[in-house]
Amino acid sequence: MTFVRFAWLGLAALALLFTVWAAASPIGMVDLGCATVNTYGPEFRHVCQDSIASVLGARPVIELGLALTVPSVAAAAVMRTWMSWCAATAYVVLTGIGIAHWSDYRLLLTFAGLPATLFALVIAFAHLGARARLDREVELASLAAGTETSPTP
């Protein structure tokens, strides 16, 4: 089952890479105001080619990184099938939040959330299959030994 843990940690690494890419991306990529004017902000101090991190600061970028990384790190740490499904559900919710906030930087949650949801579902199903295989091996071993044991939850 170590491949499941590595898969979750790989998804977390991809989420961090996406966060770094998003921080360096221009604010015009996610702001609708840039479609009409080439400036951003109430005082129009920024142009739409400025990076998201320089315009919005570190806080939104850190929040984005945490939101995309924490579900997969938690699933890798807990290593239970229910947590894998919780992580997949969290990515579905993050994608929904990104869709609901399509006019600002939280749209980035959709860009990362949709592929992360698909990967998380694949990992959750793989975790379920690995758990079933492990339970079957325990059952066969107990039958071969002549004792009955119930599989661990």
C-alpha atoms as a PDB file:
ATOM      1  CA  MET A   1       0.000   0.000   0.000  1.00  0.00           C
ATOM      2  CA  THR A   2       3.014   2.264  -0.122  1.00  0.00           C
ATOM      3  CA  PHE A   3       2.160   3.105  -3.731  1.00  0.00           C
ATOM      4  CA  VAL A   4      -1.063   4.716  -2.473  1.00  0.00           C
ATOM      5  CA  ARG A   5       0.904   6.870  -0.039  1.00  0.00           C
ATOM      6  CA  PHE A   6       3.362   7.872  -2.763  1.00  0.00           C
ATOM      7  CA  ALA A   7       0.472   8.671  -5.106  1.00  0.00           C
ATOM      8  CA  TRP A   8      -1.076  11.007  -2.527  1.00  0.00           C
ATOM      9  CA  LEU A   9       2.288  12.655  -1.868  1.00  0.00           C
ATOM     10  CA  GLY A  10       2.831  12.994  -5.617  1.00  0.00           C
ATOM     11  CA  LEU A  11      -0.512  14.760  -5.923  1.00  0.00           C
ATOM     12  CA  ALA A  12       0.535  17.096  -3.099  1.00  0.00           C
ATOM     13  CA  ALA A  13       3.791  17.852  -4.917  1.00  0.00           C
ATOM     14  CA  LEU A  14       1.874  18.628  -8.110  1.00  0.00           C
ATOM     15  CA  ALA A  15      -0.403  20.934  -6.112  1.00  0.00           C
ATOM     16  CA  LEU A  16       2.628  22.816  -4.804  1.00  0.00           C
ATOM     17  CA  LEU A  17       4.054  23.117  -8.309  1.00  0.00           C
ATOM     18  CA  PHE A  18       0.719  24.469  -9.525  1.00  0.00           C
ATOM     19  CA  THR A  19       0.711  27.005  -6.691  1.00  0.00           C
ATOM     20  CA  VAL A  20       4.165  28.269  -7.641  1.00  0.00           C
ATOM     21  CA  TRP A  21       3.093  28.523 -11.286  1.00  0.00           C
ATOM     22  CA  ALA A  22      -0.118  30.336 -10.313  1.00  0.00           C
ATOM     23  CA  ALA A  23       1.771  32.826  -8.138  1.00  0.00           C
ATOM     24  CA  ALA A  24       3.926  33.807 -11.105  1.00  0.00           C
ATOM     25  CA  SER A  25       0.996  33.977 -13.545  1.00  0.00           C
ATOM     26  CA  PRO A  26      -0.399  37.372 -14.586  1.00  0.00           C
ATOM     27  CA  ILE A  27      -3.447  38.650 -12.694  1.00  0.00           C
ATOM     28  CA  GLY A  28      -5.122  39.255 -16.045  1.00  0.00           C
ATOM     29  CA  MET A  29      -5.493  35.486 -16.411  1.00  0.00           C
ATOM     30  CA  VAL A  30      -8.038  35.322 -13.584  1.00  0.00           C
ATOM     31  CA  ASP A  31      -9.542  38.813 -13.354  1.00  0.00           C
ATOM     32  CA  LEU A  32     -12.459  39.866 -15.530  1.00  0.00           C
ATOM     33  CA  GLY A  33     -11.683  43.558 -15.068  1.00  0.00           C
ATOM     34  CA  CYS A  34      -8.620  43.110 -17.218  1.00  0.00           C
ATOM     35  CA  ALA A  35     -10.847  42.332 -20.195  1.00  0.00           C
ATOM     36  CA  THR A  36     -12.064  45.940 -20.300  1.00  0.00           C
ATOM     37  CA  VAL A  37      -9.137  47.937 -18.921  1.00  0.00           C
ATOM     38  CA  ASN A  38      -5.474  47.034 -18.706  1.00  0.00           C
ATOM     39  CA  THR A  39      -5.169  47.974 -15.043  1.00  0.00           C
ATOM     40  CA  TYR A  40      -6.090  46.225 -11.816  1.00  0.00           C
ATOM     41  CA  GLY A  41      -7.200  47.427  -8.405  1.00  0.00           C
ATOM     42  CA  PRO A  42      -9.233  50.300  -7.039  1.00  0.00           C
ATOM     43  CA  GLU A  43      -6.399  52.801  -7.530  1.00  0.00           C
ATOM     44  CA  PHE A  44      -5.292  51.122 -10.779  1.00  0.00           C
ATOM     45  CA  ARG A  45      -1.756  50.734  -9.459  1.00  0.00           C
ATOM     46  CA  HIS A  46      -1.144  47.437 -11.227  1.00  0.00           C
ATOM     47  CA  VAL A  47      -1.274  46.386 -14.838  1.00  0.00           C
ATOM     48  CA  CYS A  48      -2.849  43.076 -15.771  1.00  0.00           C
ATOM     49  CA  GLN A  49       0.533  41.579 -16.663  1.00  0.00           C
ATOM     50  CA  ASP A  50       1.732  41.808 -13.038  1.00  0.00           C
ATOM     51  CA  SER A  51       1.976  38.481 -11.237  1.00  0.00           C
ATOM     52  CA  ILE A  52      -0.779  37.283  -8.942  1.00  0.00           C
ATOM     53  CA  ALA A  53       1.640  37.193  -5.995  1.00  0.00           C
ATOM     54  CA  SER A  54       2.803  40.782  -6.533  1.00  0.00           C
ATOM     55  CA  VAL A  55      -0.743  42.100  -6.909  1.00  0.00           C
ATOM     56  CA  LEU A  56      -2.579  40.134  -4.213  1.00  0.00           C
ATOM     57  CA  GLY A  57       0.312  39.386  -1.875  1.00  0.00           C
ATOM     58  CA  ALA A  58       1.401  36.154  -0.269  1.00  0.00           C
ATOM     59  CA  ARG A  59      -1.747  35.341   1.696  1.00  0.00           C
ATOM     60  CA  PRO A  60      -3.999  34.248  -1.216  1.00  0.00           C
ATOM     61  CA  VAL A  61      -1.165  32.234  -2.732  1.00  0.00           C
ATOM     62  CA  ILE A  62      -0.484  30.466   0.578  1.00  0.00           C
ATOM     63  CA  GLU A  63      -4.208  29.784   1.020  1.00  0.00           C
ATOM     64  CA  LEU A  64      -4.370  28.318  -2.475  1.00  0.00           C
ATOM     65  CA  GLY A  65      -1.373  26.096  -1.790  1.00  0.00           C
ATOM     66  CA  LEU A  66      -2.764  24.875   1.520  1.00  0.00           C
ATOM     67  CA  ALA A  67      -6.209  24.218   0.086  1.00  0.00           C
ATOM     68  CA  LEU A  68      -4.751  22.119  -2.710  1.00  0.00           C
ATOM     69  CA  THR A  69      -2.120  20.304  -0.657  1.00  0.00           C
ATOM     70  CA  VAL A  70      -3.724  19.506   2.709  1.00  0.00           C
ATOM     71  CA  PRO A  71      -6.288  16.908   1.501  1.00  0.00           C
ATOM     72  CA  SER A  72      -3.679  14.721  -0.173  1.00  0.00           C
ATOM     73  CA  VAL A  73      -1.137  15.085   2.648  1.00  0.00           C
ATOM     74  CA  ALA A  74      -3.835  14.131   5.163  1.00  0.00           C
ATOM     75  CA  ALA A  75      -4.792  11.095   3.095  1.00  0.00           C
ATOM     76  CA  ALA A  76      -1.139  10.047   2.871  1.00  0.00           C
ATOM     77  CA  ALA A  77      -0.686  10.474   6.615  1.00  0.00           C
ATOM     78  CA  VAL A  78      -3.847   8.647   7.726  1.00  0.00           C
ATOM     79  CA  MET A  79      -3.755   5.884   5.063  1.00  0.00           C
ATOM     80  CA  ARG A  80      -7.346   4.752   5.512  1.00  0.00           C
ATOM     81  CA  THR A  81      -9.799   4.257   2.683  1.00  0.00           C
ATOM     82  CA  TRP A  82     -12.317   6.604   4.283  1.00  0.00           C
ATOM     83  CA  MET A  83      -9.698   9.354   4.333  1.00  0.00           C
ATOM     84  CA  SER A  84      -8.921   8.762   0.670  1.00  0.00           C
ATOM     85  CA  TRP A  85     -12.585   9.312  -0.107  1.00  0.00           C
ATOM     86  CA  CYS A  86     -12.645  12.406   2.119  1.00  0.00           C
ATOM     87  CA  ALA A  87      -9.669  13.823   0.200  1.00  0.00           C
ATOM     88  CA  ALA A  88     -11.378  13.135  -3.127  1.00  0.00           C
ATOM     89  CA  THR A  89     -14.513  14.841  -1.813  1.00  0.00           C
ATOM     90  CA  ALA A  90     -12.437  17.821  -0.677  1.00  0.00           C
ATOM     91  CA  TYR A  91     -11.115  18.250  -4.212  1.00  0.00           C
ATOM     92  CA  VAL A  92     -14.672  18.146  -5.562  1.00  0.00           C
ATOM     93  CA  VAL A  93     -15.631  20.890  -3.090  1.00  0.00           C
ATOM     94  CA  LEU A  94     -12.570  22.969  -4.014  1.00  0.00           C
ATOM     95  CA  THR A  95     -13.505  22.686  -7.686  1.00  0.00           C
ATOM     96  CA  GLY A  96     -17.019  23.876  -6.826  1.00  0.00           C
ATOM     97  CA  ILE A  97     -15.636  26.832  -4.882  1.00  0.00           C
ATOM     98  CA  GLY A  98     -13.491  27.741  -7.873  1.00  0.00           C
ATOM     99  CA  ILE A  99     -16.499  27.620 -10.183  1.00  0.00           C
ATOM    100  CA  ALA A 100     -18.565  29.711  -7.777  1.00  0.00           C
ATOM    101  CA  HIS A 101     -15.808  32.359  -7.679  1.00  0.00           C
ATOM    102  CA  TRP A 102     -15.096  32.390 -11.407  1.00  0.00           C
ATOM    103  CA  SER A 103     -14.467  36.129 -11.537  1.00  0.00           C
ATOM    104  CA  ASP A 104     -11.445  36.356  -9.212  1.00  0.00           C
ATOM    105  CA  TYR A 105      -8.241  34.519  -8.324  1.00  0.00           C
ATOM    106  CA  ARG A 106     -10.151  31.632  -6.714  1.00  0.00           C
ATOM    107  CA  LEU A 107     -10.871  30.496 -10.253  1.00  0.00           C
ATOM    108  CA  LEU A 108      -7.451  28.857  -9.930  1.00  0.00           C
ATOM    109  CA  LEU A 109      -9.100  26.287  -7.652  1.00  0.00           C
ATOM    110  CA  THR A 110     -11.022  25.073 -10.696  1.00  0.00           C
ATOM    111  CA  PHE A 111      -7.890  24.872 -12.846  1.00  0.00           C
ATOM    112  CA  ALA A 112      -6.173  22.665 -10.282  1.00  0.00           C
ATOM    113  CA  GLY A 113      -9.214  21.144  -8.589  1.00  0.00           C
ATOM    114  CA  LEU A 114     -10.659  19.355 -11.588  1.00  0.00           C
ATOM    115  CA  PRO A 115      -7.508  17.374 -12.484  1.00  0.00           C
ATOM    116  CA  ALA A 116      -6.805  16.821  -8.777  1.00  0.00           C
ATOM    117  CA  THR A 117     -10.325  15.423  -8.363  1.00  0.00           C
ATOM    118  CA  LEU A 118      -9.759  12.961 -11.182  1.00  0.00           C
ATOM    119  CA  PHE A 119      -6.390  11.867  -9.785  1.00  0.00           C
ATOM    120  CA  ALA A 120      -7.836  11.639  -6.266  1.00  0.00           C
ATOM    121  CA  LEU A 121     -10.654   9.398  -7.456  1.00  0.00           C
ATOM    122  CA  VAL A 122      -8.172   7.103  -9.198  1.00  0.00           C
ATOM    123  CA  ILE A 123      -6.045   6.963  -6.044  1.00  0.00           C
ATOM    124  CA  ALA A 124      -9.101   6.331  -3.830  1.00  0.00           C
ATOM    125  CA  PHE A 125     -10.236   3.448  -6.040  1.00  0.00           C
ATOM    126  CA  ALA A 126      -6.678   2.063  -6.053  1.00  0.00           C
ATOM    127  CA  HIS A 127      -6.628   2.317  -2.262  1.00  0.00           C
ATOM    128  CA  LEU A 128      -9.934   0.454  -2.093  1.00  0.00           C
ATOM    129  CA  GLY A 129      -8.567  -2.265  -4.390  1.00  0.00           C
ATOM    130  CA  ALA A 130      -5.331  -2.587  -2.412  1.00  0.00           C
ATOM    131  CA  ARG A 131      -7.308  -2.872   0.816  1.00  0.00           C
ATOM    132  CA  ALA A 132      -9.540  -5.584  -0.669  1.00  0.00           C
ATOM    133  CA  ARG A 133      -6.497  -7.494  -1.906  1.00  0.00           C
ATOM    134  CA  LEU A 134      -4.870  -7.266   1.526  1.00  0.00           C
ATOM    135  CA  ASP A 135      -8.049  -8.463   3.244  1.00  0.00           C
ATOM    136  CA  ARG A 136      -8.271 -11.368   0.802  1.00  0.00           C
ATOM    137  CA  GLU A 137      -4.658 -12.356   1.507  1.00  0.00           C
ATOM    138  CA  VAL A 138      -5.365 -12.320   5.252  1.00  0.00           C
ATOM    139  CA  GLU A 139      -8.447 -14.468   4.717  1.00  0.00           C
ATOM    140  CA  LEU A 140      -6.554 -16.985   2.572  1.00  0.00           C
ATOM    141  CA  ALA A 141      -3.711 -17.145   5.080  1.00  0.00           C
ATOM    142  CA  SER A 142      -6.128 -17.797   7.933  1.00  0.00           C
ATOM    143  CA  LEU A 143      -7.868 -20.536   5.944  1.00  0.00           C
ATOM    144  CA  ALA A 144      -4.530 -22.150   5.158  1.00  0.00           C
ATOM    145  CA  ALA A 145      -3.569 -22.046   8.837  1.00  0.00           C
ATOM    146  CA  GLY A 146      -6.922 -23.475   9.842  1.00  0.00           C
ATOM    147  CA  THR A 147      -7.990 -20.520  11.936  1.00  0.00           C
ATOM    148  CA  GLU A 148     -10.596 -17.914  11.268  1.00  0.00           C
ATOM    149  CA  THR A 149      -9.762 -14.280  11.755  1.00  0.00           C
ATOM    150  CA  SER A 150     -11.768 -11.299  10.776  1.00  0.00           C
ATOM    151  CA  PRO A 151     -10.056  -8.771   8.527  1.00  0.00           C
ATOM    152  CA  THR A 152      -8.982  -5.504  10.079  1.00  0.00           C
ATOM    153  CA  PRO A 153     -11.206  -2.508   9.392  1.00  0.00           C
END
